[in-house]
Amino acid sequence: MTQDQFQKAAGISAVLAVRWFKPITDAMAEFGIDTPTRQANFIAQTGTESAGFSRLVESFNYSVAGLAIFANRLTSQQRQQLGRRSGEAIVPIARQRQIANLVYGGRYGNTQPDDGWTYRGRGLKQITFRANYAACGTALALPLLDQPDLLLQDVNAARSAGWFWQANKLNPIADSGNVEALTRRINGGENGLADRIARTQRASQVLV
């Protein structure tokens, strides 16, 4: 895969292609994402997770209505209190922290009051939860529990996505062409499914 092919497959600017081509191709080589079909799916899924390779940390800048995706974790009253209000361009960080701690607290190794915020999504895959940071840190030889922002460095952002892909045995699902199943394994649901399908189709047209 050339840098030009990567840019077209990812649907990103030349500037972003220069930034991400080596970290992405190195990560794919390291973690066995080694066929055009697997690479197209990897680029597509990480593209959705990172808002087109432009975002490396999870935002909790949700409107009240947007917080409905966490309806199983937030009450209606909490959504009203914490969501973006009229006249606000962005939810203040203090309230974003509250949202993260409420929706991620007490799960997957998150035991401390601020773990939801501390171990919110980072990297091209948006690694989330203390347990996943611990496993990823061990695999990549990075002290992620103490320094979670290491996943904001481009090389680590890409490697963490490659690690997740390999650890969750996503190659066979990519091989099957089942974007819905791949999305559920990565996302835990089908958030952004239409975007993931569109990105997969574009990447496949270039690479496969």
N, C-alpha and C. Protein backbone atom coordinates (compact mmCIF):
# COMPACT_ATOMS: atom_id res chain seq x y z
N MET A 1 0.84 -1.19 0.00
CA MET A 1 0.00 0.00 0.00
C MET A 1 0.88 1.25 0.00
N THR A 2 0.63 2.13 -0.93
CA THR A 2 1.39 3.38 -0.99
C THR A 2 0.69 4.44 -0.14
N GLN A 3 1.39 5.53 0.10
CA GLN A 3 0.78 6.62 0.87
C GLN A 3 -0.42 7.20 0.13
N ASP A 4 -0.33 7.29 -1.20
CA ASP A 4 -1.46 7.80 -1.98
C ASP A 4 -2.66 6.88 -1.86
N GLN A 5 -2.43 5.58 -1.90
CA GLN A 5 -3.52 4.63 -1.73
C GLN A 5 -4.14 4.74 -0.34
N PHE A 6 -3.29 4.90 0.66
CA PHE A 6 -3.80 5.06 2.02
C PHE A 6 -4.68 6.30 2.12
N GLN A 7 -4.22 7.40 1.55
CA GLN A 7 -5.01 8.63 1.61
C GLN A 7 -6.38 8.42 0.97
N LYS A 8 -6.39 7.79 -0.19
CA LYS A 8 -7.67 7.57 -0.88
C LYS A 8 -8.54 6.57 -0.13
N ALA A 9 -7.93 5.53 0.40
CA ALA A 9 -8.69 4.52 1.14
C ALA A 9 -9.32 5.10 2.40
N ALA A 10 -8.57 5.97 3.08
CA ALA A 10 -9.06 6.57 4.32
C ALA A 10 -9.94 7.79 4.07
N GLY A 11 -9.85 8.37 2.88
CA GLY A 11 -10.64 9.55 2.58
C GLY A 11 -10.22 10.76 3.39
N ILE A 12 -8.91 10.94 3.52
CA ILE A 12 -8.38 12.02 4.36
C ILE A 12 -7.50 12.95 3.53
N SER A 13 -7.13 14.06 4.15
CA SER A 13 -6.30 15.05 3.47
C SER A 13 -4.87 14.54 3.30
N ALA A 14 -4.13 15.21 2.41
CA ALA A 14 -2.73 14.84 2.21
C ALA A 14 -1.93 15.04 3.50
N VAL A 15 -2.27 16.07 4.26
CA VAL A 15 -1.55 16.33 5.52
C VAL A 15 -1.76 15.19 6.50
N LEU A 16 -3.01 14.72 6.64
CA LEU A 16 -3.27 13.61 7.54
C LEU A 16 -2.65 12.32 7.02
N ALA A 17 -2.61 12.15 5.71
CA ALA A 17 -1.99 10.95 5.14
C ALA A 17 -0.51 10.90 5.47
N VAL A 18 0.17 12.03 5.36
CA VAL A 18 1.59 12.09 5.71
C VAL A 18 1.78 11.74 7.19
N ARG A 19 0.90 12.26 8.02
CA ARG A 19 1.01 12.02 9.46
C ARG A 19 0.80 10.56 9.82
N TRP A 20 -0.19 9.91 9.18
CA TRP A 20 -0.62 8.60 9.66
C TRP A 20 -0.12 7.42 8.85
N PHE A 21 0.43 7.62 7.67
CA PHE A 21 0.78 6.49 6.81
C PHE A 21 1.75 5.53 7.49
N LYS A 22 2.84 6.04 8.02
CA LYS A 22 3.84 5.13 8.63
C LYS A 22 3.31 4.50 9.92
N PRO A 23 2.73 5.27 10.86
CA PRO A 23 2.20 4.60 12.06
C PRO A 23 1.18 3.52 11.74
N ILE A 24 0.31 3.77 10.76
CA ILE A 24 -0.73 2.79 10.42
C ILE A 24 -0.10 1.57 9.76
N THR A 25 0.75 1.77 8.78
CA THR A 25 1.33 0.62 8.08
C THR A 25 2.25 -0.18 9.00
N ASP A 26 2.97 0.50 9.88
CA ASP A 26 3.81 -0.23 10.84
C ASP A 26 2.95 -1.06 11.79
N ALA A 27 1.83 -0.48 12.26
CA ALA A 27 0.96 -1.21 13.18
C ALA A 27 0.33 -2.41 12.48
N MET A 28 -0.09 -2.24 11.24
CA MET A 28 -0.68 -3.36 10.52
C MET A 28 0.34 -4.48 10.33
N ALA A 29 1.59 -4.12 10.05
CA ALA A 29 2.63 -5.13 9.89
C ALA A 29 2.90 -5.84 11.21
N GLU A 30 2.93 -5.08 12.30
CA GLU A 30 3.24 -5.66 13.61
C GLU A 30 2.16 -6.63 14.08
N PHE A 31 0.91 -6.33 13.76
CA PHE A 31 -0.19 -7.10 14.33
C PHE A 31 -0.93 -7.97 13.31
N GLY A 32 -0.28 -8.26 12.19
CA GLY A 32 -0.80 -9.27 11.29
C GLY A 32 -2.02 -8.87 10.50
N ILE A 33 -2.18 -7.60 10.27
CA ILE A 33 -3.29 -7.12 9.43
C ILE A 33 -2.71 -7.06 8.02
N ASP A 34 -2.71 -8.21 7.36
CA ASP A 34 -1.75 -8.45 6.29
C ASP A 34 -2.35 -8.78 4.93
N THR A 35 -3.62 -8.51 4.73
CA THR A 35 -4.20 -8.66 3.39
C THR A 35 -4.94 -7.37 3.05
N PRO A 36 -5.17 -7.10 1.77
CA PRO A 36 -5.90 -5.88 1.40
C PRO A 36 -7.28 -5.79 2.07
N THR A 37 -7.98 -6.91 2.18
CA THR A 37 -9.31 -6.88 2.81
C THR A 37 -9.20 -6.50 4.29
N ARG A 38 -8.26 -7.11 4.99
CA ARG A 38 -8.08 -6.79 6.41
C ARG A 38 -7.65 -5.33 6.58
N GLN A 39 -6.77 -4.87 5.73
CA GLN A 39 -6.30 -3.49 5.82
C GLN A 39 -7.41 -2.51 5.52
N ALA A 40 -8.25 -2.81 4.55
CA ALA A 40 -9.37 -1.92 4.23
C ALA A 40 -10.32 -1.81 5.42
N ASN A 41 -10.60 -2.94 6.06
CA ASN A 41 -11.49 -2.92 7.21
C ASN A 41 -10.86 -2.21 8.40
N PHE A 42 -9.57 -2.41 8.61
CA PHE A 42 -8.88 -1.74 9.71
C PHE A 42 -8.88 -0.23 9.52
N ILE A 43 -8.57 0.21 8.32
CA ILE A 43 -8.56 1.65 8.03
C ILE A 43 -9.96 2.23 8.19
N ALA A 44 -10.97 1.50 7.73
CA ALA A 44 -12.34 1.99 7.84
C ALA A 44 -12.79 2.10 9.29
N GLN A 45 -12.55 1.06 10.07
CA GLN A 45 -13.01 1.06 11.45
C GLN A 45 -12.26 2.10 12.30
N THR A 46 -10.96 2.19 12.12
CA THR A 46 -10.21 3.20 12.88
C THR A 46 -10.58 4.60 12.40
N GLY A 47 -10.94 4.72 11.13
CA GLY A 47 -11.39 6.01 10.62
C GLY A 47 -12.64 6.50 11.32
N THR A 48 -13.59 5.60 11.51
CA THR A 48 -14.81 5.98 12.23
C THR A 48 -14.50 6.28 13.69
N GLU A 49 -13.73 5.42 14.32
CA GLU A 49 -13.43 5.58 15.76
C GLU A 49 -12.71 6.90 16.04
N SER A 50 -11.92 7.37 15.08
CA SER A 50 -11.10 8.57 15.30
C SER A 50 -11.62 9.80 14.55
N ALA A 51 -12.87 9.73 14.06
CA ALA A 51 -13.45 10.85 13.31
C ALA A 51 -12.55 11.24 12.14
N GLY A 52 -12.22 10.24 11.34
CA GLY A 52 -11.40 10.51 10.17
C GLY A 52 -9.95 10.79 10.50
N PHE A 53 -9.40 10.09 11.48
CA PHE A 53 -8.00 10.24 11.89
C PHE A 53 -7.70 11.66 12.41
N SER A 54 -8.73 12.27 13.01
CA SER A 54 -8.56 13.63 13.51
C SER A 54 -8.74 13.75 15.02
N ARG A 55 -9.18 12.68 15.69
CA ARG A 55 -9.45 12.76 17.12
C ARG A 55 -8.88 11.53 17.82
N LEU A 56 -8.14 11.77 18.89
CA LEU A 56 -7.49 10.67 19.60
C LEU A 56 -7.96 10.52 21.04
N VAL A 57 -8.90 11.34 21.47
CA VAL A 57 -9.41 11.21 22.83
C VAL A 57 -10.92 11.39 22.80
N GLU A 58 -11.60 10.59 23.60
CA GLU A 58 -13.05 10.59 23.60
C GLU A 58 -13.61 11.88 24.17
N SER A 59 -14.60 12.42 23.49
CA SER A 59 -15.29 13.61 23.95
C SER A 59 -16.62 13.22 24.58
N PHE A 60 -16.98 13.92 25.63
CA PHE A 60 -18.29 13.74 26.24
C PHE A 60 -19.13 15.01 26.09
N ASN A 61 -18.91 15.69 24.97
CA ASN A 61 -19.65 16.92 24.66
C ASN A 61 -21.00 16.54 24.03
N TYR A 62 -21.86 15.97 24.84
CA TYR A 62 -23.15 15.47 24.37
C TYR A 62 -24.28 16.46 24.68
N SER A 63 -25.19 16.56 23.74
CA SER A 63 -26.44 17.26 24.04
C SER A 63 -27.26 16.38 24.98
N VAL A 64 -28.31 16.95 25.53
CA VAL A 64 -29.20 16.16 26.38
C VAL A 64 -29.76 14.98 25.60
N ALA A 65 -30.19 15.24 24.37
CA ALA A 65 -30.72 14.16 23.54
C ALA A 65 -29.65 13.13 23.21
N GLY A 66 -28.42 13.60 22.96
CA GLY A 66 -27.33 12.69 22.61
C GLY A 66 -26.99 11.73 23.74
N LEU A 67 -27.22 12.16 24.97
CA LEU A 67 -26.92 11.29 26.11
C LEU A 67 -27.87 10.10 26.21
N ALA A 68 -28.86 10.07 25.34
CA ALA A 68 -29.79 8.94 25.34
C ALA A 68 -29.08 7.63 25.01
N ILE A 69 -27.90 7.70 24.35
CA ILE A 69 -27.17 6.46 24.07
C ILE A 69 -26.68 5.80 25.35
N PHE A 70 -26.67 6.57 26.45
CA PHE A 70 -26.28 6.03 27.75
C PHE A 70 -27.50 5.88 28.66
N ALA A 71 -28.66 5.68 28.07
CA ALA A 71 -29.89 5.63 28.87
C ALA A 71 -29.87 4.53 29.92
N ASN A 72 -29.07 3.49 29.67
CA ASN A 72 -28.99 2.41 30.66
C ASN A 72 -28.05 2.76 31.81
N ARG A 73 -27.33 3.88 31.68
CA ARG A 73 -26.38 4.27 32.72
C ARG A 73 -26.73 5.62 33.36
N LEU A 74 -27.52 6.44 32.66
CA LEU A 74 -27.87 7.77 33.15
C LEU A 74 -29.38 7.89 33.23
N THR A 75 -29.87 8.45 34.32
CA THR A 75 -31.29 8.71 34.42
C THR A 75 -31.66 9.91 33.55
N SER A 76 -32.94 10.08 33.32
CA SER A 76 -33.41 11.24 32.56
C SER A 76 -32.99 12.53 33.24
N GLN A 77 -33.07 12.55 34.57
CA GLN A 77 -32.67 13.75 35.32
C GLN A 77 -31.17 14.03 35.14
N GLN A 78 -30.37 13.00 35.19
CA GLN A 78 -28.93 13.18 35.00
C GLN A 78 -28.62 13.69 33.60
N ARG A 79 -29.32 13.18 32.61
CA ARG A 79 -29.10 13.65 31.24
C ARG A 79 -29.45 15.13 31.10
N GLN A 80 -30.53 15.52 31.75
CA GLN A 80 -30.92 16.93 31.72
C GLN A 80 -29.89 17.82 32.41
N GLN A 81 -29.36 17.33 33.50
CA GLN A 81 -28.40 18.12 34.28
C GLN A 81 -27.03 18.22 33.61
N LEU A 82 -26.62 17.14 32.93
CA LEU A 82 -25.24 17.06 32.46
C LEU A 82 -25.07 17.37 30.98
N GLY A 83 -26.11 17.22 30.19
CA GLY A 83 -25.99 17.43 28.75
C GLY A 83 -25.77 18.89 28.39
N ARG A 84 -25.39 19.11 27.14
CA ARG A 84 -25.10 20.46 26.64
C ARG A 84 -26.37 21.31 26.68
N ARG A 85 -26.25 22.47 27.26
CA ARG A 85 -27.40 23.34 27.46
C ARG A 85 -27.49 24.42 26.39
N SER A 86 -28.63 25.02 26.30
CA SER A 86 -28.84 26.12 25.35
C SER A 86 -27.83 27.22 25.61
N GLY A 87 -27.14 27.64 24.56
CA GLY A 87 -26.13 28.69 24.69
C GLY A 87 -24.74 28.19 24.95
N GLU A 88 -24.60 26.90 25.25
CA GLU A 88 -23.27 26.32 25.48
C GLU A 88 -22.71 25.79 24.16
N ALA A 89 -21.50 26.18 23.82
CA ALA A 89 -20.85 25.63 22.63
C ALA A 89 -20.32 24.24 22.91
N ILE A 90 -19.94 24.02 24.17
CA ILE A 90 -19.36 22.74 24.56
C ILE A 90 -19.68 22.49 26.04
N VAL A 91 -19.88 21.24 26.38
CA VAL A 91 -20.11 20.89 27.79
C VAL A 91 -18.82 21.15 28.56
N PRO A 92 -18.89 21.91 29.65
CA PRO A 92 -17.67 22.16 30.44
C PRO A 92 -17.01 20.85 30.87
N ILE A 93 -15.69 20.88 30.98
CA ILE A 93 -14.94 19.67 31.30
C ILE A 93 -15.41 19.02 32.60
N ALA A 94 -15.77 19.82 33.58
CA ALA A 94 -16.22 19.25 34.85
C ALA A 94 -17.44 18.36 34.65
N ARG A 95 -18.35 18.78 33.77
CA ARG A 95 -19.55 17.95 33.53
C ARG A 95 -19.21 16.77 32.62
N GLN A 96 -18.30 16.96 31.68
CA GLN A 96 -17.86 15.83 30.86
C GLN A 96 -17.25 14.74 31.75
N ARG A 97 -16.49 15.18 32.73
CA ARG A 97 -15.87 14.23 33.67
C ARG A 97 -16.96 13.46 34.43
N GLN A 98 -18.00 14.18 34.86
CA GLN A 98 -19.09 13.52 35.56
C GLN A 98 -19.76 12.47 34.68
N ILE A 99 -20.00 12.83 33.43
CA ILE A 99 -20.63 11.88 32.50
C ILE A 99 -19.78 10.62 32.38
N ALA A 100 -18.49 10.82 32.13
CA ALA A 100 -17.59 9.67 31.94
C ALA A 100 -17.57 8.77 33.16
N ASN A 101 -17.52 9.38 34.33
CA ASN A 101 -17.45 8.57 35.55
C ASN A 101 -18.76 7.82 35.81
N LEU A 102 -19.86 8.41 35.42
CA LEU A 102 -21.15 7.73 35.60
C LEU A 102 -21.33 6.59 34.61
N VAL A 103 -20.97 6.82 33.36
CA VAL A 103 -21.26 5.79 32.35
C VAL A 103 -20.21 4.68 32.31
N TYR A 104 -19.00 4.98 32.76
CA TYR A 104 -17.94 3.97 32.73
C TYR A 104 -17.54 3.44 34.09
N GLY A 105 -18.07 4.04 35.15
CA GLY A 105 -17.68 3.63 36.49
C GLY A 105 -18.12 2.23 36.84
N GLY A 106 -17.28 1.52 37.60
CA GLY A 106 -17.64 0.21 38.12
C GLY A 106 -17.64 -0.91 37.10
N ARG A 107 -16.98 -0.70 35.97
CA ARG A 107 -16.96 -1.73 34.92
C ARG A 107 -15.55 -1.94 34.41
N TYR A 108 -15.26 -3.18 34.03
CA TYR A 108 -14.00 -3.53 33.35
C TYR A 108 -12.78 -2.96 34.05
N GLY A 109 -12.74 -3.14 35.34
CA GLY A 109 -11.58 -2.73 36.12
C GLY A 109 -11.64 -1.33 36.67
N ASN A 110 -12.64 -0.55 36.28
CA ASN A 110 -12.79 0.80 36.82
C ASN A 110 -13.38 0.69 38.23
N THR A 111 -12.56 1.00 39.23
CA THR A 111 -13.00 0.87 40.62
C THR A 111 -12.91 2.18 41.39
N GLN A 112 -12.06 3.11 40.95
CA GLN A 112 -11.87 4.37 41.66
C GLN A 112 -12.84 5.43 41.12
N PRO A 113 -13.16 6.44 41.94
CA PRO A 113 -14.19 7.41 41.55
C PRO A 113 -13.95 8.10 40.21
N ASP A 114 -12.69 8.32 39.85
CA ASP A 114 -12.40 9.07 38.62
C ASP A 114 -11.91 8.17 37.47
N ASP A 115 -12.01 6.85 37.65
CA ASP A 115 -11.49 5.94 36.62
C ASP A 115 -12.20 6.10 35.28
N GLY A 116 -13.49 6.39 35.29
CA GLY A 116 -14.21 6.53 34.03
C GLY A 116 -13.62 7.62 33.15
N TRP A 117 -13.25 8.73 33.79
CA TRP A 117 -12.64 9.84 33.06
C TRP A 117 -11.18 9.54 32.73
N THR A 118 -10.46 9.01 33.70
CA THR A 118 -9.04 8.74 33.50
C THR A 118 -8.81 7.76 32.36
N TYR A 119 -9.66 6.76 32.29
CA TYR A 119 -9.49 5.70 31.28
C TYR A 119 -10.58 5.76 30.22
N ARG A 120 -10.94 6.99 29.84
CA ARG A 120 -11.86 7.16 28.71
C ARG A 120 -11.12 6.82 27.41
N GLY A 121 -11.86 6.81 26.32
CA GLY A 121 -11.30 6.37 25.06
C GLY A 121 -10.13 7.21 24.58
N ARG A 122 -9.04 6.52 24.19
CA ARG A 122 -7.88 7.19 23.60
C ARG A 122 -7.31 6.32 22.48
N GLY A 123 -6.59 6.97 21.58
CA GLY A 123 -5.97 6.25 20.48
C GLY A 123 -6.90 6.13 19.29
N LEU A 124 -6.41 5.54 18.21
CA LEU A 124 -7.23 5.40 17.01
C LEU A 124 -8.40 4.45 17.22
N LYS A 125 -8.28 3.54 18.15
CA LYS A 125 -9.38 2.61 18.45
C LYS A 125 -10.21 3.08 19.63
N GLN A 126 -9.75 4.10 20.36
CA GLN A 126 -10.43 4.54 21.57
C GLN A 126 -10.43 3.42 22.62
N ILE A 127 -9.22 3.03 23.05
CA ILE A 127 -9.08 2.08 24.15
C ILE A 127 -9.74 2.68 25.39
N THR A 128 -10.61 1.90 26.04
CA THR A 128 -11.43 2.40 27.15
C THR A 128 -11.40 1.40 28.30
N PHE A 129 -11.48 1.93 29.52
CA PHE A 129 -11.55 1.17 30.78
C PHE A 129 -10.15 0.76 31.27
N ARG A 130 -10.00 0.78 32.59
CA ARG A 130 -8.73 0.45 33.23
C ARG A 130 -8.22 -0.93 32.80
N ALA A 131 -9.09 -1.93 32.75
CA ALA A 131 -8.64 -3.28 32.40
C ALA A 131 -8.04 -3.32 31.01
N ASN A 132 -8.63 -2.59 30.07
CA ASN A 132 -8.09 -2.57 28.71
C ASN A 132 -6.79 -1.78 28.63
N TYR A 133 -6.70 -0.69 29.39
CA TYR A 133 -5.44 0.06 29.44
C TYR A 133 -4.33 -0.83 30.01
N ALA A 134 -4.67 -1.61 31.03
CA ALA A 134 -3.67 -2.49 31.63
C ALA A 134 -3.20 -3.54 30.63
N ALA A 135 -4.13 -4.18 29.95
CA ALA A 135 -3.77 -5.22 28.98
C ALA A 135 -3.00 -4.63 27.81
N CYS A 136 -3.44 -3.49 27.32
CA CYS A 136 -2.75 -2.85 26.21
C CYS A 136 -1.36 -2.41 26.63
N GLY A 137 -1.25 -1.84 27.82
CA GLY A 137 0.06 -1.41 28.30
C GLY A 137 1.04 -2.55 28.43
N THR A 138 0.56 -3.68 28.92
CA THR A 138 1.42 -4.85 29.03
C THR A 138 1.89 -5.31 27.65
N ALA A 139 0.96 -5.37 26.71
CA ALA A 139 1.30 -5.84 25.36
C ALA A 139 2.26 -4.91 24.64
N LEU A 140 2.10 -3.60 24.85
CA LEU A 140 2.93 -2.63 24.13
C LEU A 140 4.13 -2.15 24.95
N ALA A 141 4.28 -2.69 26.16
CA ALA A 141 5.36 -2.27 27.07
C ALA A 141 5.31 -0.77 27.33
N LEU A 142 4.11 -0.29 27.66
CA LEU A 142 3.89 1.12 27.97
C LEU A 142 3.20 1.23 29.33
N PRO A 143 3.59 2.21 30.17
CA PRO A 143 2.96 2.37 31.49
C PRO A 143 1.64 3.12 31.38
N LEU A 144 0.66 2.52 30.75
CA LEU A 144 -0.59 3.22 30.43
C LEU A 144 -1.45 3.50 31.65
N LEU A 145 -1.37 2.67 32.68
CA LEU A 145 -2.18 2.95 33.87
C LEU A 145 -1.73 4.26 34.53
N ASP A 146 -0.44 4.51 34.51
CA ASP A 146 0.09 5.74 35.12
C ASP A 146 0.10 6.91 34.12
N GLN A 147 0.23 6.59 32.85
CA GLN A 147 0.33 7.64 31.82
C GLN A 147 -0.60 7.31 30.65
N PRO A 148 -1.90 7.39 30.86
CA PRO A 148 -2.83 7.03 29.78
C PRO A 148 -2.70 7.90 28.55
N ASP A 149 -2.21 9.13 28.72
CA ASP A 149 -2.07 10.02 27.57
C ASP A 149 -0.97 9.59 26.60
N LEU A 150 -0.21 8.55 26.95
CA LEU A 150 0.74 8.01 25.98
C LEU A 150 0.03 7.53 24.72
N LEU A 151 -1.25 7.20 24.84
CA LEU A 151 -2.01 6.76 23.67
C LEU A 151 -2.36 7.92 22.74
N LEU A 152 -2.04 9.13 23.13
CA LEU A 152 -2.26 10.28 22.25
C LEU A 152 -1.08 10.51 21.32
N GLN A 153 0.02 9.79 21.53
CA GLN A 153 1.15 9.85 20.60
C GLN A 153 0.82 8.98 19.39
N ASP A 154 1.11 9.49 18.20
CA ASP A 154 0.62 8.84 16.99
C ASP A 154 1.03 7.36 16.89
N VAL A 155 2.27 7.06 17.17
CA VAL A 155 2.73 5.67 17.07
C VAL A 155 1.94 4.78 18.03
N ASN A 156 1.77 5.25 19.27
CA ASN A 156 1.04 4.45 20.26
C ASN A 156 -0.45 4.38 19.93
N ALA A 157 -0.99 5.46 19.38
CA ALA A 157 -2.40 5.46 18.98
C ALA A 157 -2.66 4.39 17.94
N ALA A 158 -1.74 4.26 16.98
CA ALA A 158 -1.90 3.25 15.93
C ALA A 158 -1.61 1.85 16.45
N ARG A 159 -0.55 1.70 17.24
CA ARG A 159 -0.21 0.37 17.78
C ARG A 159 -1.32 -0.15 18.69
N SER A 160 -1.91 0.72 19.47
CA SER A 160 -2.99 0.26 20.37
C SER A 160 -4.18 -0.25 19.57
N ALA A 161 -4.44 0.38 18.43
CA ALA A 161 -5.52 -0.10 17.56
C ALA A 161 -5.16 -1.46 16.97
N GLY A 162 -3.91 -1.61 16.56
CA GLY A 162 -3.46 -2.90 16.03
C GLY A 162 -3.50 -3.98 17.09
N TRP A 163 -3.09 -3.64 18.30
CA TRP A 163 -3.15 -4.60 19.40
C TRP A 163 -4.58 -5.05 19.64
N PHE A 164 -5.51 -4.11 19.71
CA PHE A 164 -6.91 -4.46 19.95
C PHE A 164 -7.44 -5.38 18.86
N TRP A 165 -7.08 -5.07 17.63
CA TRP A 165 -7.53 -5.88 16.49
C TRP A 165 -7.05 -7.32 16.63
N GLN A 166 -5.78 -7.47 16.92
CA GLN A 166 -5.21 -8.82 17.06
C GLN A 166 -5.77 -9.53 18.30
N ALA A 167 -5.83 -8.82 19.42
CA ALA A 167 -6.27 -9.43 20.67
C ALA A 167 -7.71 -9.92 20.58
N ASN A 168 -8.51 -9.24 19.79
CA ASN A 168 -9.91 -9.61 19.65
C ASN A 168 -10.20 -10.45 18.41
N LYS A 169 -9.11 -10.91 17.76
CA LYS A 169 -9.22 -11.84 16.63
C LYS A 169 -10.18 -11.32 15.55
N LEU A 170 -9.90 -10.10 15.11
CA LEU A 170 -10.81 -9.45 14.16
C LEU A 170 -10.51 -9.78 12.71
N ASN A 171 -9.34 -10.34 12.42
CA ASN A 171 -9.04 -10.68 11.02
C ASN A 171 -10.08 -11.62 10.40
N PRO A 172 -10.47 -12.71 11.07
CA PRO A 172 -11.45 -13.60 10.46
C PRO A 172 -12.79 -12.92 10.16
N ILE A 173 -13.19 -12.00 11.03
CA ILE A 173 -14.45 -11.29 10.80
C ILE A 173 -14.30 -10.36 9.60
N ALA A 174 -13.16 -9.68 9.52
CA ALA A 174 -12.90 -8.83 8.36
C ALA A 174 -12.89 -9.66 7.09
N ASP A 175 -12.29 -10.84 7.15
CA ASP A 175 -12.24 -11.73 5.98
C ASP A 175 -13.63 -12.11 5.50
N SER A 176 -14.57 -12.22 6.45
CA SER A 176 -15.93 -12.65 6.10
C SER A 176 -16.74 -11.56 5.40
N GLY A 177 -16.27 -10.31 5.53
CA GLY A 177 -16.99 -9.20 4.92
C GLY A 177 -18.18 -8.71 5.72
N ASN A 178 -18.31 -9.17 6.96
CA ASN A 178 -19.45 -8.81 7.79
C ASN A 178 -19.12 -7.57 8.61
N VAL A 179 -19.39 -6.39 8.05
CA VAL A 179 -19.05 -5.13 8.72
C VAL A 179 -19.86 -4.97 9.99
N GLU A 180 -21.10 -5.44 9.98
CA GLU A 180 -21.94 -5.32 11.17
C GLU A 180 -21.35 -6.10 12.34
N ALA A 181 -20.94 -7.33 12.08
CA ALA A 181 -20.35 -8.15 13.15
C ALA A 181 -19.03 -7.54 13.63
N LEU A 182 -18.25 -7.03 12.71
CA LEU A 182 -16.98 -6.41 13.07
C LEU A 182 -17.23 -5.18 13.95
N THR A 183 -18.22 -4.40 13.58
CA THR A 183 -18.57 -3.21 14.35
C THR A 183 -19.01 -3.57 15.76
N ARG A 184 -19.84 -4.59 15.87
CA ARG A 184 -20.31 -4.99 17.20
C ARG A 184 -19.15 -5.45 18.08
N ARG A 185 -18.19 -6.16 17.51
CA ARG A 185 -17.04 -6.62 18.28
C ARG A 185 -16.17 -5.43 18.72
N ILE A 186 -16.05 -4.43 17.88
CA ILE A 186 -15.20 -3.28 18.17
C ILE A 186 -15.90 -2.29 19.09
N ASN A 187 -17.15 -2.02 18.80
CA ASN A 187 -17.88 -0.92 19.43
C ASN A 187 -18.77 -1.37 20.57
N GLY A 188 -19.11 -2.65 20.61
CA GLY A 188 -20.04 -3.12 21.61
C GLY A 188 -21.48 -2.91 21.20
N GLY A 189 -21.68 -2.30 20.05
CA GLY A 189 -23.01 -2.04 19.51
C GLY A 189 -22.86 -1.76 18.03
N GLU A 190 -23.71 -0.91 17.52
CA GLU A 190 -23.62 -0.57 16.10
C GLU A 190 -23.55 0.94 15.89
N ASN A 191 -22.94 1.64 16.85
CA ASN A 191 -22.78 3.09 16.70
C ASN A 191 -21.95 3.42 15.47
N GLY A 192 -22.45 4.33 14.66
CA GLY A 192 -21.72 4.75 13.47
C GLY A 192 -21.67 3.71 12.37
N LEU A 193 -22.61 2.77 12.38
CA LEU A 193 -22.55 1.66 11.42
C LEU A 193 -22.57 2.15 9.97
N ALA A 194 -23.43 3.09 9.66
CA ALA A 194 -23.52 3.58 8.28
C ALA A 194 -22.19 4.17 7.83
N ASP A 195 -21.54 4.92 8.72
CA ASP A 195 -20.24 5.50 8.39
C ASP A 195 -19.20 4.41 8.20
N ARG A 196 -19.23 3.39 9.04
CA ARG A 196 -18.26 2.29 8.94
C ARG A 196 -18.43 1.53 7.63
N ILE A 197 -19.68 1.32 7.23
CA ILE A 197 -19.94 0.63 5.97
C ILE A 197 -19.43 1.46 4.80
N ALA A 198 -19.72 2.76 4.82
CA ALA A 198 -19.28 3.63 3.73
C ALA A 198 -17.76 3.68 3.66
N ARG A 199 -17.11 3.77 4.80
CA ARG A 199 -15.64 3.81 4.82
C ARG A 199 -15.06 2.49 4.33
N THR A 200 -15.68 1.38 4.70
CA THR A 200 -15.20 0.07 4.25
C THR A 200 -15.33 -0.07 2.75
N GLN A 201 -16.45 0.38 2.21
CA GLN A 201 -16.65 0.31 0.76
C GLN A 201 -15.61 1.16 0.03
N ARG A 202 -15.34 2.36 0.52
CA ARG A 202 -14.36 3.23 -0.12
C ARG A 202 -12.96 2.62 -0.05
N ALA A 203 -12.58 2.16 1.13
CA ALA A 203 -11.24 1.58 1.28
C ALA A 203 -11.09 0.32 0.42
N SER A 204 -12.13 -0.47 0.34
CA SER A 204 -12.07 -1.70 -0.44
C SER A 204 -11.93 -1.41 -1.93
N GLN A 205 -12.56 -0.36 -2.39
CA GLN A 205 -12.46 0.01 -3.80
C GLN A 205 -11.02 0.38 -4.17
N VAL A 206 -10.29 0.92 -3.20
CA VAL A 206 -8.91 1.32 -3.45
C VAL A 206 -7.95 0.15 -3.27
N LEU A 207 -8.16 -0.66 -2.25
CA LEU A 207 -7.15 -1.65 -1.85
C LEU A 207 -7.42 -3.08 -2.29
N VAL A 208 -8.67 -3.45 -2.41
CA VAL A 208 -8.99 -4.86 -2.66
C VAL A 208 -9.12 -5.16 -4.15
